[in-house]
Protein backbone atom coordinates (compact mmCIF):
# COMPACT_ATOMS: atom_id res chain seq x y z
CA MET A 1 11.08 9.47 13.72
CA PRO A 2 13.43 10.61 16.24
CA LYS A 3 14.35 8.24 19.13
CA SER A 4 11.96 7.99 22.24
CA GLY A 5 13.03 5.00 24.47
CA SER A 6 13.48 2.33 21.97
CA THR A 7 11.54 3.66 19.19
CA PRO A 8 13.88 4.33 16.21
CA LYS A 9 13.54 7.43 13.74
CA ILE A 10 11.03 6.43 11.33
CA THR A 11 11.77 8.22 7.94
CA ARG A 12 11.29 7.16 4.20
CA ARG A 13 14.84 5.92 3.97
CA THR A 14 14.59 3.81 7.29
CA ALA A 15 11.19 2.55 6.01
CA LEU A 16 12.73 1.19 2.78
CA ALA A 17 16.05 0.00 4.48
CA GLY A 18 14.05 -2.14 6.83
CA LEU A 19 13.05 -4.16 3.63
CA SER A 20 16.67 -5.25 3.11
CA ALA A 21 16.51 -8.48 4.95
CA GLY A 22 13.43 -9.62 2.92
CA ALA A 23 15.09 -8.86 -0.51
CA ALA A 24 15.46 -12.29 -1.34
CA LEU A 25 11.78 -13.18 -0.48
CA LEU A 26 10.70 -10.13 -2.31
CA ALA A 27 11.99 -11.62 -5.71
CA MET A 28 10.28 -14.91 -5.36
CA PRO A 29 6.84 -15.24 -7.20
CA ARG A 30 3.63 -15.23 -5.30
CA LEU A 31 2.52 -18.55 -4.09
CA GLY A 32 -0.68 -20.22 -4.90
CA ARG A 33 -3.30 -20.83 -2.19
CA ALA A 34 -6.30 -23.29 -2.10
CA ALA A 35 -9.50 -21.86 -3.09
CA ASP A 36 -11.28 -23.90 -0.32
CA GLU A 37 -8.96 -22.72 2.59
CA THR A 38 -9.47 -20.05 5.45
CA ILE A 39 -9.30 -16.69 4.25
CA ARG A 40 -6.49 -15.11 6.29
CA ILE A 41 -5.87 -11.33 6.68
CA GLY A 42 -2.75 -9.95 8.11
CA PHE A 43 -2.97 -7.04 10.51
CA PRO A 44 -0.07 -5.15 11.57
CA THR A 45 -0.54 -2.40 13.95
CA PRO A 46 1.62 -0.99 17.01
CA LEU A 47 0.24 -2.66 19.84
CA THR A 48 3.21 -1.47 21.78
CA GLY A 49 4.48 2.00 21.93
CA PRO A 50 2.77 5.72 22.06
CA PHE A 51 -0.04 4.67 19.48
CA ALA A 52 -1.10 1.24 21.17
CA ALA A 53 -4.64 2.48 22.67
CA GLU A 54 -5.50 3.50 18.87
CA ALA A 55 -3.80 0.22 17.75
CA ARG A 56 -5.75 -1.89 20.38
CA ASP A 57 -9.18 -0.09 19.27
CA GLN A 58 -8.13 -1.02 15.29
CA VAL A 59 -8.11 -4.57 16.45
CA LYS A 60 -11.27 -4.56 17.97
CA CYS A 61 -12.93 -3.17 15.15
CA ALA A 62 -11.29 -5.20 12.55
CA GLU A 63 -11.84 -8.40 14.54
CA LEU A 64 -15.89 -7.07 14.79
CA ALA A 65 -15.87 -6.96 10.88
CA VAL A 66 -14.57 -10.43 10.67
CA LYS A 67 -16.98 -11.65 12.82
CA LEU A 68 -20.04 -10.14 11.25
CA VAL A 69 -18.95 -11.90 7.81
CA ASN A 70 -18.53 -15.24 9.55
CA ASP A 71 -21.50 -14.92 11.36
CA LYS A 72 -23.32 -14.91 7.88
CA GLY A 73 -21.41 -17.75 6.66
CA GLY A 74 -18.07 -16.42 5.54
CA ILE A 75 -17.13 -15.66 2.01
CA ALA A 76 -18.00 -18.28 -0.83
CA ASP A 77 -18.50 -20.80 2.27
CA ARG A 78 -15.02 -19.97 3.67
CA LYS A 79 -14.44 -18.59 7.08
CA VAL A 80 -12.10 -15.50 7.54
CA GLU A 81 -9.41 -15.11 10.12
CA LEU A 82 -7.45 -12.08 11.22
CA LEU A 83 -3.88 -12.35 12.00
CA VAL A 84 -2.67 -9.79 13.71
CA ARG A 85 1.00 -8.60 14.29
CA ASP A 86 2.68 -5.89 16.48
CA ASP A 87 4.97 -4.09 14.49
CA LYS A 88 6.02 -1.95 16.86
CA LEU A 89 5.80 1.40 15.24
CA ASN A 90 9.01 0.33 13.56
CA ALA A 91 9.49 0.43 9.93
CA GLY A 92 11.83 -2.59 9.66
CA GLU A 93 9.63 -4.72 12.18
CA ALA A 94 6.61 -4.04 10.09
CA ALA A 95 8.40 -5.08 6.87
CA THR A 96 9.35 -8.22 8.49
CA ARG A 97 6.16 -9.25 10.02
CA THR A 98 4.44 -8.52 6.53
CA LEU A 99 6.75 -10.69 4.87
CA GLU A 100 6.09 -13.15 7.47
CA LEU A 101 2.54 -12.87 7.34
CA ILE A 102 2.58 -13.42 3.45
CA GLU A 103 5.36 -16.05 3.23
CA LYS A 104 4.86 -18.01 6.33
CA ASP A 105 1.04 -17.68 7.07
CA LYS A 106 -0.13 -17.38 3.54
CA VAL A 107 -2.41 -14.46 4.04
CA HIS A 108 -4.63 -13.36 0.98
CA ALA A 109 -4.40 -9.68 1.88
CA VAL A 110 -3.11 -7.36 4.54
CA VAL A 111 -4.72 -4.08 6.32
CA GLY A 112 -3.14 -2.08 8.98
CA ALA A 113 -0.52 0.06 9.86
CA LEU A 114 -0.73 3.43 11.98
CA SER A 115 2.22 5.48 10.79
CA SER A 116 2.89 7.34 7.82
CA ALA A 117 6.18 5.99 7.25
CA VAL A 118 5.83 2.52 8.56
CA GLN A 119 2.77 2.00 6.22
CA LEU A 120 5.31 2.82 3.42
CA ALA A 121 7.35 0.12 4.73
CA VAL A 122 4.22 -2.47 4.56
CA ASN A 123 3.33 -1.01 1.19
CA GLU A 124 6.96 -2.02 -0.22
CA VAL A 125 6.59 -5.40 0.63
CA THR A 126 3.03 -6.14 -0.49
CA ARG A 127 3.25 -4.60 -3.62
CA ALA A 128 6.22 -6.55 -4.49
CA ARG A 129 4.49 -9.75 -3.82
CA GLY A 130 1.36 -8.81 -5.43
CA VAL A 131 -0.54 -8.68 -2.29
CA ILE A 132 -3.56 -6.65 -1.96
CA TYR A 133 -2.69 -3.91 1.03
CA VAL A 134 -5.76 -1.47 2.92
CA SER A 135 -3.96 1.23 4.60
CA ILE A 136 -5.38 2.56 7.63
CA SER A 137 -3.37 5.18 8.50
CA GLN A 138 -3.37 9.04 7.46
CA SER A 139 -0.73 9.73 4.51
CA ASP A 140 -0.68 11.84 1.60
CA THR A 141 2.84 9.64 0.13
CA ILE A 142 0.94 6.75 -0.14
CA ASN A 143 -1.47 7.75 -2.79
CA GLU A 144 1.49 9.45 -4.70
CA ALA A 145 2.38 7.67 -7.87
CA LYS A 146 5.79 6.81 -6.67
CA ASP A 147 4.48 4.75 -3.86
CA PHE A 148 1.40 3.51 -5.55
CA SER A 149 0.41 0.04 -7.14
CA LYS A 150 -2.67 -1.69 -8.25
CA TYR A 151 -2.39 -3.63 -5.19
CA THR A 152 -2.46 -0.44 -2.86
CA PHE A 153 -5.87 1.02 -1.40
CA HIS A 154 -5.90 3.64 1.22
CA GLU A 155 -9.03 3.63 3.55
CA ALA A 156 -7.95 6.36 5.86
CA LEU A 157 -8.54 10.09 5.39
CA ASN A 158 -5.33 11.78 4.45
CA PRO A 159 -3.89 15.06 5.79
CA HIS A 160 -4.93 17.12 2.69
CA MET A 161 -8.40 16.31 3.13
CA THR A 162 -8.27 16.52 7.29
CA THR A 163 -6.32 20.16 7.29
CA SER A 164 -8.59 21.47 4.69
CA ALA A 165 -11.72 20.90 6.38
CA VAL A 166 -10.37 21.83 9.77
CA ALA A 167 -8.98 25.11 8.16
CA ARG A 168 -12.23 26.00 6.47
CA GLN A 169 -14.04 26.09 10.09
CA THR A 170 -11.22 27.74 11.92
CA LEU A 171 -9.41 29.98 9.68
CA LYS A 172 -10.13 33.27 8.34
CA LYS A 173 -8.45 35.81 6.18
CA GLY A 174 -5.46 37.78 7.69
CA MET A 175 -5.44 35.54 10.79
CA LYS A 176 -1.72 34.90 11.91
CA VAL A 177 -1.20 31.01 12.38
CA ALA A 178 1.51 29.24 14.55
CA HIS A 179 2.63 25.54 14.12
CA LEU A 180 4.00 23.08 16.63
CA VAL A 181 4.66 19.83 14.64
CA ALA A 182 5.77 16.29 15.17
CA ASP A 183 9.35 16.16 13.42
CA TYR A 184 8.35 12.76 11.22
CA ALA A 185 6.37 11.98 8.28
CA TYR A 186 2.73 12.57 9.80
CA GLY A 187 3.77 15.88 11.13
CA HIS A 188 5.45 16.96 8.08
CA GLU A 189 2.27 16.20 5.88
CA MET A 190 -0.20 17.87 8.24
CA LEU A 191 1.84 21.03 7.91
CA ARG A 192 2.20 21.31 4.35
CA GLY A 193 -1.78 20.91 4.63
CA PHE A 194 -2.33 23.26 6.90
CA LYS A 195 -0.07 25.86 5.12
CA ARG A 196 -1.84 25.14 1.84
CA ALA A 197 -4.96 25.49 2.96
CA GLN A 198 -4.30 28.69 5.04
CA ALA A 199 -2.43 29.96 2.03
CA ALA A 200 -5.86 29.56 0.01
CA ILE A 201 -7.94 31.19 3.06
CA GLY A 202 -5.49 34.05 2.90
CA ALA A 203 -4.55 33.69 6.39
CA ASP A 204 -0.57 34.00 7.70
CA SER A 205 1.96 31.78 8.95
CA VAL A 206 3.77 33.62 11.98
CA GLY A 207 6.19 30.84 12.78
CA GLU A 208 6.85 26.80 13.09
CA ILE A 209 8.40 24.86 15.70
CA LEU A 210 9.31 20.88 15.20
CA HIS A 211 9.37 18.67 18.05
CA PRO A 212 11.03 15.06 18.48
CA PHE A 213 8.72 12.39 18.07
CA GLY A 214 7.41 11.11 21.70
CA ALA A 215 8.24 14.14 23.41
CA ALA A 216 7.44 14.24 27.10
CA ASP A 217 8.33 18.10 27.70
CA TYR A 218 7.15 21.11 25.62
CA SER A 219 7.84 23.66 28.06
CA THR A 220 10.72 25.10 26.09
CA PHE A 221 8.14 25.39 22.96
CA MET A 222 5.30 27.61 24.82
CA PRO A 223 7.23 30.73 25.18
CA ARG A 224 8.35 30.78 21.79
CA LEU A 225 5.05 29.83 20.47
CA MET A 226 3.15 32.53 22.61
CA SER A 227 5.73 35.19 21.51
CA MET A 228 4.70 34.75 17.85
CA ARG A 229 1.03 36.19 19.14
CA PRO A 230 -0.79 34.25 16.88
CA ASP A 231 -4.50 33.73 16.48
CA VAL A 232 -4.44 30.26 15.65
CA LEU A 233 -1.82 27.50 17.22
CA CYS A 234 -2.22 24.39 14.74
CA ILE A 235 -0.47 21.20 16.58
CA SER A 236 0.36 18.36 14.28
CA ASN A 237 1.04 15.61 16.06
CA PHE A 238 -0.22 11.96 17.05
CA GLY A 239 -1.16 9.75 19.97
CA ARG A 240 0.33 10.62 23.48
CA ASP A 241 2.23 13.57 22.04
CA GLN A 242 -1.27 15.18 21.32
CA ALA A 243 -2.24 14.53 24.61
CA ASN A 244 1.22 16.10 26.19
CA ALA A 245 1.39 18.93 24.06
CA ILE A 246 -2.29 20.21 24.48
CA LYS A 247 -2.15 19.71 28.37
CA GLN A 248 1.05 21.69 28.88
CA ALA A 249 -0.42 24.31 26.23
CA VAL A 250 -2.97 25.00 28.64
CA ASP A 251 -0.70 24.74 31.80
CA PHE A 252 1.20 27.66 30.18
CA GLY A 253 -1.89 29.77 29.49
CA VAL A 254 -2.10 29.12 25.73
CA LYS A 255 -5.95 28.90 25.45
CA GLN A 256 -6.18 32.54 26.90
CA GLN A 257 -4.28 34.07 23.78
CA MET A 258 -5.06 31.81 21.06
CA LYS A 259 -7.26 28.90 19.59
CA ILE A 260 -6.00 25.69 19.43
CA VAL A 261 -6.69 23.24 16.45
CA VAL A 262 -5.25 20.03 15.49
CA PRO A 263 -5.56 18.09 12.44
CA VAL A 264 -7.06 14.99 13.85
CA ILE A 265 -8.41 15.20 17.23
CA LEU A 266 -8.19 11.51 19.02
CA HIS A 267 -10.85 10.19 20.81
CA ASN A 268 -8.39 8.34 23.29
CA GLN A 269 -6.21 11.43 24.02
CA ARG A 270 -9.36 13.59 24.87
CA LEU A 271 -10.34 10.61 27.48
CA ALA A 272 -6.54 10.50 28.85
CA VAL A 273 -6.50 14.18 30.12
CA GLY A 274 -10.01 15.13 30.24
CA PRO A 275 -12.57 17.80 29.30
CA ASP A 276 -10.91 20.81 30.91
CA VAL A 277 -7.63 20.52 29.05
CA PHE A 278 -9.23 19.92 25.77
CA GLU A 279 -12.10 22.35 26.05
CA GLY A 280 -12.69 24.21 22.77
CA VAL A 281 -9.89 22.13 20.64
CA VAL A 282 -11.08 21.85 17.24
CA GLY A 283 -10.24 19.03 15.01
CA GLY A 284 -10.68 16.69 12.13
CA ALA A 285 -12.01 13.33 12.55
CA ASN A 286 -13.10 10.36 10.55
CA TYR A 287 -15.78 8.94 12.81
CA TYR A 288 -17.37 9.86 16.11
CA TRP A 289 -20.21 7.77 17.62
CA GLY A 290 -22.40 10.60 17.85
CA LEU A 291 -22.91 10.59 14.25
CA GLU A 292 -25.70 7.58 14.92
CA THR A 293 -28.20 10.34 15.05
CA GLN A 294 -27.10 11.66 11.46
CA SER A 295 -26.19 8.15 9.93
CA LYS A 296 -28.16 4.58 9.82
CA SER A 297 -24.68 2.90 9.18
CA ALA A 298 -23.17 4.77 11.99
CA ALA A 299 -26.22 3.62 14.34
CA ALA A 300 -25.56 0.10 13.13
CA PHE A 301 -21.64 -0.04 14.11
CA ASN A 302 -22.36 1.12 17.48
CA THR A 303 -24.86 -0.95 17.96
CA ALA A 304 -22.99 -4.06 16.74
CA PHE A 305 -19.30 -2.74 18.84
CA LYS A 306 -21.38 -2.46 21.86
CA ALA A 307 -22.83 -5.73 21.84
CA ALA A 308 -19.38 -7.39 21.13
CA ASN A 309 -17.55 -5.17 23.94
CA GLY A 310 -19.65 -4.78 26.97
CA GLY A 311 -21.43 -1.88 25.74
CA ALA A 312 -18.46 0.34 25.09
CA ILE A 313 -18.51 2.47 22.13
CA PRO A 314 -16.10 2.70 18.90
CA THR A 315 -13.76 5.05 18.49
CA ASP A 316 -12.30 7.29 15.49
CA TYR A 317 -9.37 5.35 14.63
CA GLY A 318 -11.00 1.76 15.42
CA ALA A 319 -13.68 2.83 13.09
CA TYR A 320 -10.73 2.58 10.25
CA GLY A 321 -10.14 -1.00 11.39
CA TYR A 322 -13.90 -1.55 10.64
CA SER A 323 -14.18 0.26 7.43
CA GLY A 324 -10.70 -0.94 6.11
CA VAL A 325 -11.37 -4.99 6.88
CA GLY A 326 -15.19 -4.43 5.79
CA SER A 327 -14.49 -3.03 2.64
CA LEU A 328 -11.76 -5.77 1.74
CA LEU A 329 -14.43 -8.29 2.68
CA ALA A 330 -17.17 -6.91 0.81
CA ALA A 331 -14.91 -6.82 -2.53
CA MET A 332 -13.93 -10.57 -1.64
CA GLN A 333 -17.47 -11.06 -1.62
CA ALA A 334 -18.24 -9.36 -4.62
CA ALA A 335 -15.28 -11.23 -6.33
CA GLY A 336 -16.73 -14.53 -5.18
CA GLY A 337 -13.37 -15.39 -3.45
CA THR A 338 -10.19 -14.15 -3.02
CA ASP A 339 -8.25 -14.02 -6.46
CA THR A 340 -5.97 -11.19 -6.29
CA ASP A 341 -6.76 -9.16 -9.83
CA LYS A 342 -10.61 -9.89 -9.39
CA VAL A 343 -10.90 -8.49 -5.94
CA VAL A 344 -8.90 -5.54 -6.83
CA VAL A 345 -11.39 -4.66 -9.78
CA ALA A 346 -13.95 -5.28 -7.19
CA LEU A 347 -12.62 -2.85 -4.55
CA GLU A 348 -12.13 -0.30 -7.50
CA LYS A 349 -15.92 -0.79 -8.06
CA LEU A 350 -16.93 -1.07 -4.68
CA GLN A 351 -19.51 1.40 -3.46
CA TYR A 352 -19.67 1.03 0.52
CA ASP A 353 -21.12 2.33 3.59
CA LEU A 354 -20.22 0.63 6.78
CA THR A 355 -19.85 3.61 9.50
CA LYS A 356 -20.83 6.83 8.27
CA GLY A 357 -22.15 7.14 4.63
CA PRO A 358 -21.03 6.37 1.09
CA GLN A 359 -17.48 5.69 0.31
CA HIS A 360 -15.48 4.50 -2.64
CA TYR A 361 -11.97 3.95 -3.85
CA ARG A 362 -10.93 6.78 -6.49
CA LYS A 363 -9.63 4.91 -9.39
CA CYS A 364 -6.38 6.50 -10.14
CA ASP A 365 -4.86 6.48 -6.57
CA HIS A 366 -7.17 4.07 -5.02
CA GLN A 367 -7.93 6.72 -2.23
CA SER A 368 -11.22 6.48 -0.26
CA VAL A 369 -13.47 9.22 -1.12
CA GLN A 370 -15.43 9.91 2.24
CA SER A 371 -16.75 12.77 4.57
CA VAL A 372 -14.71 14.62 6.96
CA LEU A 373 -16.23 15.40 10.23
CA VAL A 374 -14.69 18.59 12.07
CA LEU A 375 -15.34 18.40 15.90
CA GLU A 376 -14.83 20.57 18.94
CA SER A 377 -14.30 19.25 22.41
CA LYS A 378 -16.86 20.06 24.65
CA LYS A 379 -16.81 21.73 28.37
CA LYS A 380 -17.76 19.28 31.13
CA SER A 381 -20.83 20.90 31.93
CA ALA A 382 -22.13 20.41 28.30
CA MET A 383 -21.63 16.98 28.06
CA ALA A 384 -24.93 14.76 28.44
CA ASN A 385 -22.83 11.78 29.68
CA GLU A 386 -19.42 10.55 29.62
CA ASN A 387 -19.07 9.59 26.26
CA ASP A 388 -20.53 13.09 24.96
CA LEU A 389 -16.93 14.48 24.01
CA PHE A 390 -17.40 16.63 21.06
CA ALA A 391 -19.80 18.74 19.20
CA ILE A 392 -19.93 18.26 15.45
CA LEU A 393 -19.21 21.27 13.93
CA ALA A 394 -19.04 20.18 10.51
CA ASN A 395 -19.59 16.99 8.32
CA ASP A 396 -18.18 17.58 4.99
CA ALA A 397 -19.52 14.92 2.33
CA GLY A 398 -17.03 12.88 0.34
CA ALA A 399 -16.24 14.43 -3.11
CA ASP A 400 -13.41 13.81 -5.54
CA ASP A 401 -12.57 17.65 -5.35
CA MET A 402 -11.65 17.35 -1.70
CA LEU A 403 -8.82 15.13 -2.91
CA ARG A 404 -5.50 16.46 -4.58
CA SER A 405 -5.75 15.91 -8.10
CA CYS A 406 -4.71 12.29 -9.91
CA SER A 407 -2.17 14.76 -12.19
CA GLU A 408 -0.77 16.59 -9.00
CA LEU A 409 -0.05 13.03 -7.45
CA GLY A 410 1.77 11.93 -10.89
CA HIS A 411 -0.71 9.51 -12.09
CA ALA A 412 -1.78 9.71 -15.87
CA THR A 413 -5.35 11.00 -16.49
């Protein structure tokens, strides 16, 4: 990522470079752990920085998943503990914290990360140490053979899934599409997904503009985008960048000329700037509390979260924390404990429904096969209450054919 304040550029090179300090530790054999001790789950996430709101929601939901298991007696009569660490949205910091979780805190598995590149740093550490890692950040790369290991599981949606679903709802043959893209791994993967989807539909790109990660001022980009005269503007960024970009686009009158779509529409960013700014914006999502009218598991998740959080509702990225930790604990329950190889097998066989409907991890790349929502932000007059943020335009059921093929990802078939 380009620098924004103290946040350094996050690329694949810096993600891997951040591991060098722990090279000696990586070479050490995995340490044994007593079978009767507390089950410890490491949870690195960026509690500081531009994704902090989403990270805090992940922690709350991960803690809920642990609480619900402990309230039922734990796993094989062992209590579960969540060890949260701030990775500061920095690959080197994430690698260091993950090494500490494994070597010092003796965690049995790791769940977390909220950046495409940072999760690769976590994954490098965990796979070298033979520790299970459940990623809860969108990424296409982590599913590819070069970054995969038998210990790597990807609970989050990926850019291919979300952009395909959004494109099906918003693009038509012959439409002109412009792109505003955050210049780091997440943005590039979303751009690739949108361009692939629009090519299949027959829509045409009229231009793309890259912006620095953490940009506060988008005023130089808007006239250029408007001069392209697209029918649709795809804004591929995350966290505060999404709120800032959409707000400034609206200030420039972009919505009067074109439809704004995003690959992932964020609950917290919609709250940050209000209904008028986001009105009519369409984007993908893994979860929305309003699913409770369609899904028993969504209703149960909402009820449990509200009870633990003073009546507040769970958010999209919060749900990843719940399902990422929850699926891991379900597999440990099935495996009868924390033996890594047994838990891997249990995860591969797991059929789970924690927040929205059936999910499972595909065998070849351990991607969670799950439904994809497409949401449209409501105008203020259409909101039944302050939590009634979005209309559900589509709820595409999970299926293997919504993913890139195993062979395309480099896996033997």
